[in-house]
Amino acid sequence: MLFWGPFSGMNVLKILLLIGIGLVVWGLIRGFKRSFDTPPGDASTPTAETMVKCAYCGVNLPRSEAIYSHDAFYCTAEHQKLGQS
């Protein structure tokens, strides 16, 4: 026999099984922790915003910051008044 005493046949299999289960549990816990460390893909990717041109001065600005009036975009309320004159 290759093994004798406390390391005979079934004891070795039990030890190897416990080591295998321990490695699987360790891998699952590690993967679970890693999922909390990484931010979601959607939040880290900035979205591009459409740019528009001021009808009065020609400055480009994000559409969300522009003033839309009479089928044209303006960068300020003053340019809106001057552009409609």
Protein backbone atom coordinates (compact mmCIF):
# COMPACT_ATOMS: atom_id res chain seq x y z
CA MET A 1 0.00 0.00 0.00
CA LEU A 2 1.15 3.48 -0.82
CA PHE A 3 -0.53 5.20 2.15
CA TRP A 4 -0.85 3.93 5.66
CA GLY A 5 -2.16 5.14 8.98
CA PRO A 6 -4.34 8.29 8.97
CA PHE A 7 -3.71 8.85 5.22
CA SER A 8 -5.18 5.61 3.95
CA GLY A 9 -7.60 5.30 0.99
CA MET A 10 -10.84 7.07 1.95
CA ASN A 11 -9.19 9.66 4.19
CA VAL A 12 -7.15 10.98 1.26
CA LEU A 13 -10.28 11.21 -0.88
CA LYS A 14 -12.10 13.12 1.86
CA ILE A 15 -9.20 15.57 2.22
CA LEU A 16 -9.04 16.13 -1.57
CA LEU A 17 -12.81 16.60 -1.71
CA LEU A 18 -12.70 19.18 1.10
CA ILE A 19 -9.84 21.04 -0.62
CA GLY A 20 -11.81 21.03 -3.90
CA ILE A 21 -14.96 22.34 -2.22
CA GLY A 22 -12.92 24.99 -0.44
CA LEU A 23 -11.41 26.18 -3.74
CA VAL A 24 -14.83 26.37 -5.40
CA VAL A 25 -16.28 28.37 -2.50
CA TRP A 26 -13.24 30.67 -2.48
CA GLY A 27 -13.62 31.28 -6.23
CA LEU A 28 -17.33 32.07 -5.89
CA ILE A 29 -16.74 34.51 -3.04
CA ARG A 30 -13.92 36.20 -4.94
CA GLY A 31 -16.09 36.57 -8.06
CA PHE A 32 -18.97 37.92 -5.99
CA LYS A 33 -16.72 40.55 -4.39
CA ARG A 34 -15.29 41.52 -7.78
CA SER A 35 -18.79 42.18 -9.13
CA PHE A 36 -19.28 44.82 -6.42
CA ASP A 37 -15.94 46.52 -7.17
CA THR A 38 -16.65 47.20 -10.86
CA PRO A 39 -19.13 49.94 -11.76
CA PRO A 40 -21.94 49.08 -14.12
CA GLY A 41 -21.14 49.53 -17.81
CA ASP A 42 -23.93 52.00 -18.44
CA ALA A 43 -22.91 54.46 -15.75
CA SER A 44 -19.28 54.67 -16.80
CA THR A 45 -20.03 55.36 -20.49
CA PRO A 46 -20.87 59.01 -21.07
CA THR A 47 -23.54 59.67 -23.67
CA ALA A 48 -22.89 62.05 -26.54
CA GLU A 49 -25.18 65.05 -26.74
CA THR A 50 -26.32 66.77 -29.91
CA MET A 51 -24.66 70.11 -30.56
CA VAL A 52 -26.56 73.04 -32.09
CA LYS A 53 -25.45 76.39 -33.49
CA CYS A 54 -26.67 79.74 -32.21
CA ALA A 55 -28.66 81.43 -34.99
CA TYR A 56 -27.28 84.84 -33.99
CA CYS A 57 -23.54 84.40 -33.25
CA GLY A 58 -22.82 80.90 -34.57
CA VAL A 59 -21.46 79.46 -31.31
CA ASN A 60 -21.89 75.69 -30.93
CA LEU A 61 -23.44 74.51 -27.67
CA PRO A 62 -25.19 71.40 -26.30
CA ARG A 63 -28.84 71.20 -27.28
CA SER A 64 -29.88 70.92 -23.60
CA GLU A 65 -28.32 74.34 -22.88
CA ALA A 66 -29.71 76.11 -25.96
CA ILE A 67 -32.85 78.23 -26.13
CA TYR A 68 -35.21 77.10 -28.89
CA SER A 69 -37.44 79.79 -30.34
CA HIS A 70 -39.09 80.30 -33.75
CA ASP A 71 -37.39 77.28 -35.38
CA ALA A 72 -33.90 78.39 -34.30
CA PHE A 73 -31.49 77.80 -31.42
CA TYR A 74 -29.86 80.60 -29.41
CA CYS A 75 -27.07 80.56 -26.79
CA THR A 76 -28.54 83.33 -24.57
CA ALA A 77 -31.83 85.13 -24.08
CA GLU A 78 -30.17 88.30 -25.36
CA HIS A 79 -29.24 86.62 -28.65
CA GLN A 80 -32.77 85.26 -28.85
CA LYS A 81 -34.17 88.82 -28.68
CA LEU A 82 -31.56 90.19 -31.11
CA GLY A 83 -32.06 87.33 -33.57
CA GLN A 84 -35.82 87.83 -33.77
CA SER A 85 -35.51 91.55 -34.60
